[in-house]
């Protein structure tokens, strides 16, 4: 199995879809539903085996922007997912450190492909920092 990806989504349907897309992309999903569970899953950063996170921006149980910031602080590369027409929220997600922000529709149409593309381009921050120091 490929890299482990923590998925923060409080909606059961989207969580299930994201889990299936992550598996189909060749990665191992770690599903959580709260910000506290996200923090626990990422506690070891990329050194702990999870250097990637997918955050559903429109949750009710947590603040998606705060979750992105927490994941980035834990050295994870973040793919955020939200409404295609909420430009302000998408900009805030990028400002918080999301590597990519995709519309629900994109993940519904081609979740595995979109996740594979993100993984190919993503470098967890801890790894990038360590590589930069080694040079």
Protein backbone atom coordinates (compact mmCIF):
# COMPACT_ATOMS: atom_id res chain seq x y z
CA UNK A 1 0.00 0.00 0.00
CA UNK A 2 1.10 3.57 -0.68
CA UNK A 3 1.34 6.53 1.66
CA UNK A 4 -1.00 6.99 4.58
CA UNK A 5 -3.46 9.87 4.22
CA UNK A 6 -5.51 11.16 7.12
CA UNK A 7 -9.00 12.19 6.00
CA UNK A 8 -10.85 14.73 8.14
CA UNK A 9 -14.54 14.73 7.21
CA UNK A 10 -17.51 14.73 9.56
CA UNK A 11 -20.03 13.91 6.84
CA UNK A 12 -20.41 10.12 6.58
CA UNK A 13 -21.13 10.13 2.84
CA UNK A 14 -18.13 12.30 1.95
CA UNK A 15 -15.91 10.45 4.36
CA UNK A 16 -16.87 7.16 2.71
CA UNK A 17 -16.28 8.60 -0.79
CA UNK A 18 -12.91 10.03 0.19
CA UNK A 19 -11.84 6.74 1.80
CA UNK A 20 -12.75 4.87 -1.40
CA UNK A 21 -10.92 7.42 -3.58
CA UNK A 22 -7.79 7.25 -1.44
CA UNK A 23 -7.78 3.44 -1.63
CA UNK A 24 -8.35 3.52 -5.39
CA UNK A 25 -5.40 5.94 -5.66
CA UNK A 26 -3.21 3.31 -4.02
CA UNK A 27 -2.90 4.97 -0.63
CA UNK A 28 -3.98 3.99 2.87
CA UNK A 29 -6.80 6.10 4.35
CA UNK A 30 -6.93 7.01 8.04
CA UNK A 31 -10.40 8.48 8.60
CA UNK A 32 -11.09 10.90 11.45
CA UNK A 33 -14.09 13.09 12.25
CA UNK A 34 -12.78 15.72 14.68
CA UNK A 35 -9.93 18.21 14.88
CA UNK A 36 -8.64 16.44 17.98
CA UNK A 37 -8.50 13.13 16.11
CA UNK A 38 -6.66 14.86 13.26
CA UNK A 39 -4.10 16.20 15.72
CA UNK A 40 -3.63 12.73 17.20
CA UNK A 41 -3.23 11.11 13.76
CA UNK A 42 -0.63 13.68 12.73
CA UNK A 43 1.18 13.82 16.08
CA UNK A 44 4.33 12.25 14.63
CA UNK A 45 4.30 14.44 11.49
CA UNK A 46 5.73 12.93 8.34
CA UNK A 47 8.24 11.07 10.52
CA UNK A 48 5.27 9.28 12.10
CA UNK A 49 4.18 7.93 8.75
CA UNK A 50 1.36 10.35 7.88
CA UNK A 51 2.56 13.27 5.81
CA UNK A 52 -0.67 13.94 3.92
CA UNK A 53 -4.14 15.11 4.91
CA UNK A 54 -7.43 15.69 3.14
CA UNK A 55 -9.69 18.21 4.87
CA UNK A 56 -13.39 18.72 4.11
CA UNK A 57 -13.89 22.48 4.41
CA UNK A 58 -17.64 22.54 4.98
CA UNK A 59 -17.83 20.50 8.16
CA UNK A 60 -19.90 21.39 11.19
CA UNK A 61 -17.84 19.56 13.82
CA UNK A 62 -14.61 21.51 13.22
CA UNK A 63 -13.24 24.59 11.48
CA UNK A 64 -11.73 23.51 8.16
CA UNK A 65 -9.29 26.42 7.98
CA UNK A 66 -8.00 25.74 11.49
CA UNK A 67 -7.67 22.05 10.57
CA UNK A 68 -5.56 22.93 7.51
CA UNK A 69 -3.30 25.14 9.63
CA UNK A 70 -2.90 22.36 12.21
CA UNK A 71 -2.06 19.78 9.53
CA UNK A 72 0.47 22.10 7.91
CA UNK A 73 2.00 22.80 11.33
CA UNK A 74 2.38 19.00 11.69
CA UNK A 75 4.32 18.99 8.38
CA UNK A 76 1.52 17.46 6.31
CA UNK A 77 0.72 18.32 2.72
CA UNK A 78 -2.99 19.21 2.61
CA UNK A 79 -5.60 18.71 -0.06
CA UNK A 80 -8.77 20.60 0.85
CA UNK A 81 -12.18 19.92 -0.63
CA UNK A 82 -15.18 22.25 -0.69
CA UNK A 83 -17.87 23.96 -2.71
CA UNK A 84 -16.74 25.10 -6.16
CA UNK A 85 -18.48 28.46 -5.84
CA UNK A 86 -17.12 29.47 -2.42
CA UNK A 87 -14.12 31.40 -3.73
CA UNK A 88 -13.50 33.20 -0.43
CA UNK A 89 -13.25 29.92 1.50
CA UNK A 90 -10.99 28.41 -1.17
CA UNK A 91 -8.65 31.43 -0.90
CA UNK A 92 -8.60 31.11 2.89
CA UNK A 93 -7.71 27.42 2.53
CA UNK A 94 -4.72 28.31 0.34
CA UNK A 95 -3.70 31.05 2.75
CA UNK A 96 -3.79 28.51 5.60
CA UNK A 97 -1.36 26.31 3.69
CA UNK A 98 -3.41 23.89 1.58
CA UNK A 99 -1.35 22.57 -1.34
CA UNK A 100 -4.51 22.06 -3.41
CA UNK A 101 -8.16 22.99 -3.03
CA UNK A 102 -10.57 20.97 -5.14
CA UNK A 103 -14.30 21.14 -5.64
CA UNK A 104 -16.45 18.26 -4.47
CA UNK A 105 -17.39 17.69 -8.10
CA UNK A 106 -13.75 17.08 -9.12
CA UNK A 107 -13.37 14.41 -6.45
CA UNK A 108 -16.75 12.90 -7.31
CA UNK A 109 -15.78 12.70 -11.00
CA UNK A 110 -12.14 11.64 -10.66
CA UNK A 111 -11.20 11.26 -7.01
CA UNK A 112 -8.45 8.65 -7.45
CA UNK A 113 -6.83 10.56 -10.32
CA UNK A 114 -6.98 13.89 -8.48
CA UNK A 115 -5.50 12.30 -5.35
CA UNK A 116 -2.71 10.59 -7.32
CA UNK A 117 -1.84 13.92 -8.98
CA UNK A 118 -1.74 15.67 -5.59
CA UNK A 119 0.45 12.94 -4.12
CA UNK A 120 2.85 13.08 -7.07
CA UNK A 121 3.27 16.82 -6.63
CA UNK A 122 3.14 16.97 -2.83
CA UNK A 123 6.19 16.90 -0.65
CA UNK A 124 5.45 16.84 3.07
CA UNK A 125 7.00 19.94 4.56
CA UNK A 126 9.24 18.05 6.99
CA UNK A 127 10.79 16.10 4.13
CA UNK A 128 11.30 19.23 2.06
CA UNK A 129 12.88 21.01 5.02
CA UNK A 130 15.21 18.08 5.74
CA UNK A 131 16.24 17.88 2.07
CA UNK A 132 16.95 21.62 2.00
CA UNK A 133 19.12 21.37 5.12
CA UNK A 134 21.06 18.44 3.63
CA UNK A 135 22.11 20.51 0.61
